[in-house]
Amino acid sequence: MQFPSWLKPGLTGAAVGAIGLAIVGFSWGGWVTGGSAKDMASKASTSAVAMALTPYCVERAGTLDAATVLTELKGASTYSRKGMVEKAGWATPLGADKPNGDLAQACQLKLAEAF
């Protein structure tokens, strides 16, 4: 079977165009793989949960028995505040076994604004 003479350059042009389109799409077009999209969605949902629960954390910090922890928090360094919020239990959502690190960070930043 004989192929037309224009077929080889046409297929070569289509292949080069597809490769060029993929390079442009992934580099500047905003295309991502499924794994990257899943990672971005996971990070966004974790951040959204932390921001939604920050008022809960700040409210727990406003109780009467939290005054000593807040006093220590005011004098603590920036790096140790997150650990103090986690240790106080303010960053542990209801029903969770361990504190949420993102929530602790958001809560200590919010509490730092207050003082």
C-alpha atoms as a PDB file:
ATOM      1  CA  MET A   1       0.000   0.000   0.000  1.00  0.00           C
ATOM      2  CA  GLN A   2       1.323   3.412  -0.936  1.00  0.00           C
ATOM      3  CA  PHE A   3       0.870   6.385   1.385  1.00  0.00           C
ATOM      4  CA  PRO A   4       0.443   9.837  -0.110  1.00  0.00           C
ATOM      5  CA  SER A   5       3.588  11.976  -0.103  1.00  0.00           C
ATOM      6  CA  TRP A   6       1.985  14.663   2.063  1.00  0.00           C
ATOM      7  CA  LEU A   7       1.144  12.198   4.892  1.00  0.00           C
ATOM      8  CA  LYS A   8       4.626  12.021   6.478  1.00  0.00           C
ATOM      9  CA  PRO A   9       5.085  15.808   6.842  1.00  0.00           C
ATOM     10  CA  GLY A  10       1.487  16.108   8.064  1.00  0.00           C
ATOM     11  CA  LEU A  11       1.952  13.480  10.800  1.00  0.00           C
ATOM     12  CA  THR A  12       5.307  14.973  11.791  1.00  0.00           C
ATOM     13  CA  GLY A  13       3.719  18.406  12.079  1.00  0.00           C
ATOM     14  CA  ALA A  14       0.856  17.015  14.173  1.00  0.00           C
ATOM     15  CA  ALA A  15       3.301  15.259  16.542  1.00  0.00           C
ATOM     16  CA  VAL A  16       5.489  18.351  16.929  1.00  0.00           C
ATOM     17  CA  GLY A  17       2.382  20.484  17.480  1.00  0.00           C
ATOM     18  CA  ALA A  18       1.057  18.116  20.170  1.00  0.00           C
ATOM     19  CA  ILE A  19       4.391  18.118  21.989  1.00  0.00           C
ATOM     20  CA  GLY A  20       4.602  21.903  21.741  1.00  0.00           C
ATOM     21  CA  LEU A  21       1.037  22.279  23.010  1.00  0.00           C
ATOM     22  CA  ALA A  22       1.795  20.020  25.996  1.00  0.00           C
ATOM     23  CA  ILE A  23       4.942  21.996  26.852  1.00  0.00           C
ATOM     24  CA  VAL A  24       3.133  25.326  26.651  1.00  0.00           C
ATOM     25  CA  GLY A  25       0.102  23.975  28.552  1.00  0.00           C
ATOM     26  CA  PHE A  26       2.055  22.565  31.484  1.00  0.00           C
ATOM     27  CA  SER A  27       4.566  25.434  31.624  1.00  0.00           C
ATOM     28  CA  TRP A  28       2.373  28.515  31.184  1.00  0.00           C
ATOM     29  CA  GLY A  29      -1.187  27.284  30.681  1.00  0.00           C
ATOM     30  CA  GLY A  30      -1.796  26.167  34.239  1.00  0.00           C
ATOM     31  CA  TRP A  31      -2.254  22.492  33.420  1.00  0.00           C
ATOM     32  CA  VAL A  32      -1.447  20.098  36.261  1.00  0.00           C
ATOM     33  CA  THR A  33      -1.407  16.351  36.680  1.00  0.00           C
ATOM     34  CA  GLY A  34      -3.997  14.523  38.728  1.00  0.00           C
ATOM     35  CA  GLY A  35      -1.575  14.022  41.613  1.00  0.00           C
ATOM     36  CA  SER A  36      -0.699  17.706  41.763  1.00  0.00           C
ATOM     37  CA  ALA A  37      -4.367  18.640  41.716  1.00  0.00           C
ATOM     38  CA  LYS A  38      -5.065  16.219  44.558  1.00  0.00           C
ATOM     39  CA  ASP A  39      -2.209  17.704  46.633  1.00  0.00           C
ATOM     40  CA  MET A  40      -3.438  21.263  46.027  1.00  0.00           C
ATOM     41  CA  ALA A  41      -7.006  20.293  46.980  1.00  0.00           C
ATOM     42  CA  SER A  42      -5.801  18.596  50.161  1.00  0.00           C
ATOM     43  CA  LYS A  43      -3.777  21.635  51.217  1.00  0.00           C
ATOM     44  CA  ALA A  44      -6.666  23.976  50.438  1.00  0.00           C
ATOM     45  CA  SER A  45      -9.154  21.909  52.431  1.00  0.00           C
ATOM     46  CA  THR A  46      -6.801  21.665  55.427  1.00  0.00           C
ATOM     47  CA  SER A  47      -6.310  25.420  55.345  1.00  0.00           C
ATOM     48  CA  ALA A  48     -10.051  26.031  55.056  1.00  0.00           C
ATOM     49  CA  VAL A  49     -10.779  23.776  58.030  1.00  0.00           C
ATOM     50  CA  ALA A  50      -8.164  25.583  60.105  1.00  0.00           C
ATOM     51  CA  MET A  51      -9.617  28.971  59.226  1.00  0.00           C
ATOM     52  CA  ALA A  52     -13.151  27.781  59.978  1.00  0.00           C
ATOM     53  CA  LEU A  53     -12.136  26.440  63.404  1.00  0.00           C
ATOM     54  CA  THR A  54     -10.000  29.418  64.459  1.00  0.00           C
ATOM     55  CA  PRO A  55     -12.925  31.199  66.184  1.00  0.00           C
ATOM     56  CA  TYR A  56     -13.567  27.997  68.172  1.00  0.00           C
ATOM     57  CA  CYS A  57      -9.930  27.948  69.281  1.00  0.00           C
ATOM     58  CA  VAL A  58      -9.972  31.626  70.247  1.00  0.00           C
ATOM     59  CA  GLU A  59     -13.207  31.094  72.195  1.00  0.00           C
ATOM     60  CA  ARG A  60     -11.620  28.230  74.144  1.00  0.00           C
ATOM     61  CA  ALA A  61      -8.684  30.523  74.910  1.00  0.00           C
ATOM     62  CA  GLY A  62     -11.095  33.018  76.461  1.00  0.00           C
ATOM     63  CA  THR A  63     -12.199  30.761  79.321  1.00  0.00           C
ATOM     64  CA  LEU A  64     -11.311  31.607  82.905  1.00  0.00           C
ATOM     65  CA  ASP A  65      -8.878  28.715  83.373  1.00  0.00           C
ATOM     66  CA  ALA A  66      -6.943  29.778  80.267  1.00  0.00           C
ATOM     67  CA  ALA A  67      -5.648  33.015  81.785  1.00  0.00           C
ATOM     68  CA  THR A  68      -2.340  31.484  82.901  1.00  0.00           C
ATOM     69  CA  VAL A  69      -1.695  29.946  79.483  1.00  0.00           C
ATOM     70  CA  LEU A  70      -2.467  33.274  77.799  1.00  0.00           C
ATOM     71  CA  THR A  71      -0.025  35.023  80.123  1.00  0.00           C
ATOM     72  CA  GLU A  72       2.670  32.496  79.218  1.00  0.00           C
ATOM     73  CA  LEU A  73       1.739  32.841  75.555  1.00  0.00           C
ATOM     74  CA  LYS A  74       2.295  36.605  75.653  1.00  0.00           C
ATOM     75  CA  GLY A  75       5.834  36.168  76.965  1.00  0.00           C
ATOM     76  CA  ALA A  76       6.734  33.208  74.745  1.00  0.00           C
ATOM     77  CA  SER A  77       8.741  33.349  71.566  1.00  0.00           C
ATOM     78  CA  THR A  78       6.979  33.124  68.225  1.00  0.00           C
ATOM     79  CA  TYR A  79       8.322  29.630  67.621  1.00  0.00           C
ATOM     80  CA  SER A  80       7.002  28.130  70.846  1.00  0.00           C
ATOM     81  CA  ARG A  81       3.484  29.594  70.728  1.00  0.00           C
ATOM     82  CA  LYS A  82       2.134  26.939  68.377  1.00  0.00           C
ATOM     83  CA  GLY A  83       3.269  24.187  70.745  1.00  0.00           C
ATOM     84  CA  MET A  84       1.698  25.964  73.689  1.00  0.00           C
ATOM     85  CA  VAL A  85      -1.654  26.227  71.915  1.00  0.00           C
ATOM     86  CA  GLU A  86      -1.478  22.523  71.025  1.00  0.00           C
ATOM     87  CA  LYS A  87      -0.507  21.580  74.598  1.00  0.00           C
ATOM     88  CA  ALA A  88      -3.394  23.616  76.034  1.00  0.00           C
ATOM     89  CA  GLY A  89      -5.795  21.592  73.891  1.00  0.00           C
ATOM     90  CA  TRP A  90      -7.253  24.592  72.106  1.00  0.00           C
ATOM     91  CA  ALA A  91      -6.253  23.265  68.675  1.00  0.00           C
ATOM     92  CA  THR A  92      -7.822  19.836  69.139  1.00  0.00           C
ATOM     93  CA  PRO A  93     -11.139  19.718  67.246  1.00  0.00           C
ATOM     94  CA  LEU A  94     -14.054  17.954  68.892  1.00  0.00           C
ATOM     95  CA  GLY A  95     -13.774  14.212  68.424  1.00  0.00           C
ATOM     96  CA  ALA A  96     -10.115  14.322  67.367  1.00  0.00           C
ATOM     97  CA  ASP A  97      -7.313  12.514  69.169  1.00  0.00           C
ATOM     98  CA  LYS A  98      -4.509  14.946  68.454  1.00  0.00           C
ATOM     99  CA  PRO A  99      -4.225  18.691  67.820  1.00  0.00           C
ATOM    100  CA  ASN A 100      -4.397  20.091  64.305  1.00  0.00           C
ATOM    101  CA  GLY A 101      -1.099  21.830  63.505  1.00  0.00           C
ATOM    102  CA  ASP A 102      -2.613  24.232  60.984  1.00  0.00           C
ATOM    103  CA  LEU A 103      -5.339  25.184  63.439  1.00  0.00           C
ATOM    104  CA  ALA A 104      -2.758  25.752  66.189  1.00  0.00           C
ATOM    105  CA  GLN A 105      -0.771  28.046  63.901  1.00  0.00           C
ATOM    106  CA  ALA A 106      -3.859  30.034  62.866  1.00  0.00           C
ATOM    107  CA  CYS A 107      -5.038  30.254  66.466  1.00  0.00           C
ATOM    108  CA  GLN A 108      -1.725  31.503  67.837  1.00  0.00           C
ATOM    109  CA  LEU A 109      -1.585  34.149  65.117  1.00  0.00           C
ATOM    110  CA  LYS A 110      -5.112  35.287  65.968  1.00  0.00           C
ATOM    111  CA  LEU A 111      -4.301  35.353  69.684  1.00  0.00           C
ATOM    112  CA  ALA A 112      -1.107  37.292  68.984  1.00  0.00           C
ATOM    113  CA  GLU A 113      -3.195  40.008  67.311  1.00  0.00           C
ATOM    114  CA  ALA A 114      -5.197  40.408  70.523  1.00  0.00           C
ATOM    115  CA  PHE A 115      -2.181  41.252  72.659  1.00  0.00           C
END
